[in-house]
Amino acid sequence: MAGMNPANSRRRTQSSEGDERLLDRELDNLPPDLRWHEWMMRVEAVIFASAEPVSRETLARVVGRECSIDLLIDDLHEELRSRPYELVSVAGGWQHRSRTAYADAIRASQA
């Protein structure tokens, strides 16, 4: 990239590598059912914290190499079935959205 400082590029690479080491993605110390639950919670947290749709590549950074993002998303859909918000596919990623059944309540709260 034009004008990019090589030192800044190295720092950014080192920082992301450091972040990788801080997060145990594989969770090999957990039994499979708890590992899956933790991966689900991580994916939900990342999507919840983002104002933009979250891509598969972004979600893959917080789960193990052998984890199926699609199966996690399916399980989250099921878990959120009784909640006033849902997980939707948007622009090649996922995002939390309020269910339309609660639109009137949301509008009333902002009046």
C-alpha atoms as a PDB file:
ATOM      1  CA  MET A   1       0.000   0.000   0.000  1.00  0.00           C
ATOM      2  CA  ALA A   2       1.235   3.426  -0.852  1.00  0.00           C
ATOM      3  CA  GLY A   3       2.319   5.429   2.159  1.00  0.00           C
ATOM      4  CA  MET A   4       2.055   2.521   4.587  1.00  0.00           C
ATOM      5  CA  ASN A   5       4.757   2.506   7.215  1.00  0.00           C
ATOM      6  CA  PRO A   6       6.432  -0.964   7.342  1.00  0.00           C
ATOM      7  CA  ALA A   7       6.858  -0.663  11.122  1.00  0.00           C
ATOM      8  CA  ASN A   8       3.100  -0.156  11.558  1.00  0.00           C
ATOM      9  CA  SER A   9       2.413  -3.165   9.359  1.00  0.00           C
ATOM     10  CA  ARG A  10       4.745  -5.332  11.476  1.00  0.00           C
ATOM     11  CA  ARG A  11       3.110  -4.115  14.698  1.00  0.00           C
ATOM     12  CA  ARG A  12      -0.350  -4.914  13.359  1.00  0.00           C
ATOM     13  CA  THR A  13       0.782  -8.430  12.355  1.00  0.00           C
ATOM     14  CA  GLN A  14       2.474  -8.993  15.705  1.00  0.00           C
ATOM     15  CA  SER A  15      -0.615  -7.741  17.531  1.00  0.00           C
ATOM     16  CA  SER A  16      -2.968 -10.099  15.686  1.00  0.00           C
ATOM     17  CA  GLU A  17      -0.568 -12.995  16.297  1.00  0.00           C
ATOM     18  CA  GLY A  18      -0.506 -12.048  19.986  1.00  0.00           C
ATOM     19  CA  ASP A  19      -4.298 -11.964  20.057  1.00  0.00           C
ATOM     20  CA  GLU A  20      -4.316 -15.492  18.584  1.00  0.00           C
ATOM     21  CA  ARG A  21      -2.172 -16.728  21.459  1.00  0.00           C
ATOM     22  CA  LEU A  22      -4.400 -15.081  24.077  1.00  0.00           C
ATOM     23  CA  LEU A  23      -7.523 -16.920  22.911  1.00  0.00           C
ATOM     24  CA  ASP A  24      -7.609 -20.693  23.109  1.00  0.00           C
ATOM     25  CA  ARG A  25      -9.624 -21.399  19.963  1.00  0.00           C
ATOM     26  CA  GLU A  26      -9.464 -25.178  20.123  1.00  0.00           C
ATOM     27  CA  LEU A  27     -10.545 -25.605  23.773  1.00  0.00           C
ATOM     28  CA  ASP A  28      -9.112 -29.134  23.820  1.00  0.00           C
ATOM     29  CA  ASN A  29      -9.304 -29.167  27.629  1.00  0.00           C
ATOM     30  CA  LEU A  30     -13.145 -29.114  27.511  1.00  0.00           C
ATOM     31  CA  PRO A  31     -15.440 -32.053  26.829  1.00  0.00           C
ATOM     32  CA  PRO A  32     -17.031 -31.817  23.350  1.00  0.00           C
ATOM     33  CA  ASP A  33     -20.449 -30.582  24.547  1.00  0.00           C
ATOM     34  CA  LEU A  34     -18.942 -27.769  26.644  1.00  0.00           C
ATOM     35  CA  ARG A  35     -16.518 -26.869  23.840  1.00  0.00           C
ATOM     36  CA  TRP A  36     -19.453 -26.529  21.423  1.00  0.00           C
ATOM     37  CA  HIS A  37     -21.391 -24.413  23.924  1.00  0.00           C
ATOM     38  CA  GLU A  38     -18.415 -22.087  24.431  1.00  0.00           C
ATOM     39  CA  TRP A  39     -17.973 -21.704  20.676  1.00  0.00           C
ATOM     40  CA  MET A  40     -21.680 -20.866  20.358  1.00  0.00           C
ATOM     41  CA  MET A  41     -21.398 -18.228  23.075  1.00  0.00           C
ATOM     42  CA  ARG A  42     -18.319 -16.707  21.452  1.00  0.00           C
ATOM     43  CA  VAL A  43     -20.002 -16.482  18.061  1.00  0.00           C
ATOM     44  CA  GLU A  44     -23.122 -14.945  19.578  1.00  0.00           C
ATOM     45  CA  ALA A  45     -21.045 -12.422  21.543  1.00  0.00           C
ATOM     46  CA  VAL A  46     -19.073 -11.358  18.465  1.00  0.00           C
ATOM     47  CA  ILE A  47     -22.265 -10.903  16.429  1.00  0.00           C
ATOM     48  CA  PHE A  48     -23.987  -9.065  19.283  1.00  0.00           C
ATOM     49  CA  ALA A  49     -21.069  -6.648  19.691  1.00  0.00           C
ATOM     50  CA  SER A  50     -20.902  -5.723  16.016  1.00  0.00           C
ATOM     51  CA  ALA A  51     -22.933  -2.977  14.367  1.00  0.00           C
ATOM     52  CA  GLU A  52     -22.215  -4.570  10.968  1.00  0.00           C
ATOM     53  CA  PRO A  53     -22.920  -8.075   9.671  1.00  0.00           C
ATOM     54  CA  VAL A  54     -20.179 -10.459  10.838  1.00  0.00           C
ATOM     55  CA  SER A  55     -18.523 -12.618   8.206  1.00  0.00           C
ATOM     56  CA  ARG A  56     -17.714 -16.313   8.387  1.00  0.00           C
ATOM     57  CA  GLU A  57     -14.008 -15.404   8.341  1.00  0.00           C
ATOM     58  CA  THR A  58     -14.396 -13.188  11.401  1.00  0.00           C
ATOM     59  CA  LEU A  59     -16.305 -15.868  13.304  1.00  0.00           C
ATOM     60  CA  ALA A  60     -13.688 -18.485  12.389  1.00  0.00           C
ATOM     61  CA  ARG A  61     -11.148 -16.474  14.423  1.00  0.00           C
ATOM     62  CA  VAL A  62     -12.881 -17.358  17.703  1.00  0.00           C
ATOM     63  CA  VAL A  63     -13.618 -21.064  17.210  1.00  0.00           C
ATOM     64  CA  GLY A  64     -11.556 -24.180  16.584  1.00  0.00           C
ATOM     65  CA  ARG A  65     -10.248 -25.180  13.164  1.00  0.00           C
ATOM     66  CA  GLU A  66     -12.635 -28.113  12.877  1.00  0.00           C
ATOM     67  CA  CYS A  67     -15.699 -26.170  14.023  1.00  0.00           C
ATOM     68  CA  SER A  68     -18.560 -25.808  11.532  1.00  0.00           C
ATOM     69  CA  ILE A  69     -19.777 -22.208  11.540  1.00  0.00           C
ATOM     70  CA  ASP A  70     -22.956 -23.289   9.724  1.00  0.00           C
ATOM     71  CA  LEU A  71     -23.843 -25.847  12.408  1.00  0.00           C
ATOM     72  CA  LEU A  72     -23.129 -23.301  15.153  1.00  0.00           C
ATOM     73  CA  ILE A  73     -25.403 -20.775  13.445  1.00  0.00           C
ATOM     74  CA  ASP A  74     -28.126 -23.443  13.133  1.00  0.00           C
ATOM     75  CA  ASP A  75     -27.866 -24.177  16.856  1.00  0.00           C
ATOM     76  CA  LEU A  76     -27.981 -20.464  17.691  1.00  0.00           C
ATOM     77  CA  HIS A  77     -31.110 -20.074  15.541  1.00  0.00           C
ATOM     78  CA  GLU A  78     -32.730 -22.829  17.575  1.00  0.00           C
ATOM     79  CA  GLU A  79     -31.590 -21.402  20.905  1.00  0.00           C
ATOM     80  CA  LEU A  80     -32.907 -17.928  20.038  1.00  0.00           C
ATOM     81  CA  ARG A  81     -36.296 -19.203  18.844  1.00  0.00           C
ATOM     82  CA  SER A  82     -38.073 -17.936  21.993  1.00  0.00           C
ATOM     83  CA  ARG A  83     -36.216 -14.602  22.183  1.00  0.00           C
ATOM     84  CA  PRO A  84     -37.473 -11.234  20.861  1.00  0.00           C
ATOM     85  CA  TYR A  85     -34.511 -11.082  18.500  1.00  0.00           C
ATOM     86  CA  GLU A  86     -33.120 -13.443  15.903  1.00  0.00           C
ATOM     87  CA  LEU A  87     -29.962 -14.150  13.977  1.00  0.00           C
ATOM     88  CA  VAL A  88     -30.268 -13.242  10.296  1.00  0.00           C
ATOM     89  CA  SER A  89     -28.048 -13.649   7.276  1.00  0.00           C
ATOM     90  CA  VAL A  90     -27.190 -10.201   5.899  1.00  0.00           C
ATOM     91  CA  ALA A  91     -24.683  -9.170   3.222  1.00  0.00           C
ATOM     92  CA  GLY A  92     -22.685 -12.389   3.448  1.00  0.00           C
ATOM     93  CA  GLY A  93     -22.560 -12.366   7.257  1.00  0.00           C
ATOM     94  CA  TRP A  94     -24.812 -12.564  10.300  1.00  0.00           C
ATOM     95  CA  GLN A  95     -26.458  -9.958  12.472  1.00  0.00           C
ATOM     96  CA  HIS A  96     -28.910  -9.830  15.381  1.00  0.00           C
ATOM     97  CA  ARG A  97     -32.243  -8.248  14.516  1.00  0.00           C
ATOM     98  CA  SER A  98     -35.356  -7.578  16.562  1.00  0.00           C
ATOM     99  CA  ARG A  99     -38.298  -9.720  15.528  1.00  0.00           C
ATOM    100  CA  THR A 100     -41.012  -7.824  13.664  1.00  0.00           C
ATOM    101  CA  ALA A 101     -43.566  -8.893  16.281  1.00  0.00           C
ATOM    102  CA  TYR A 102     -41.881  -6.430  18.675  1.00  0.00           C
ATOM    103  CA  ALA A 103     -41.748  -3.450  16.300  1.00  0.00           C
ATOM    104  CA  ASP A 104     -44.638  -1.645  18.037  1.00  0.00           C
ATOM    105  CA  ALA A 105     -43.031  -2.044  21.471  1.00  0.00           C
ATOM    106  CA  ILE A 106     -39.704  -0.774  20.139  1.00  0.00           C
ATOM    107  CA  ARG A 107     -41.372   2.243  18.479  1.00  0.00           C
ATOM    108  CA  ALA A 108     -43.319   3.029  21.666  1.00  0.00           C
ATOM    109  CA  SER A 109     -40.126   2.967  23.733  1.00  0.00           C
ATOM    110  CA  GLN A 110     -38.560   5.606  21.482  1.00  0.00           C
ATOM    111  CA  ALA A 111     -41.490   8.010  21.478  1.00  0.00           C
END
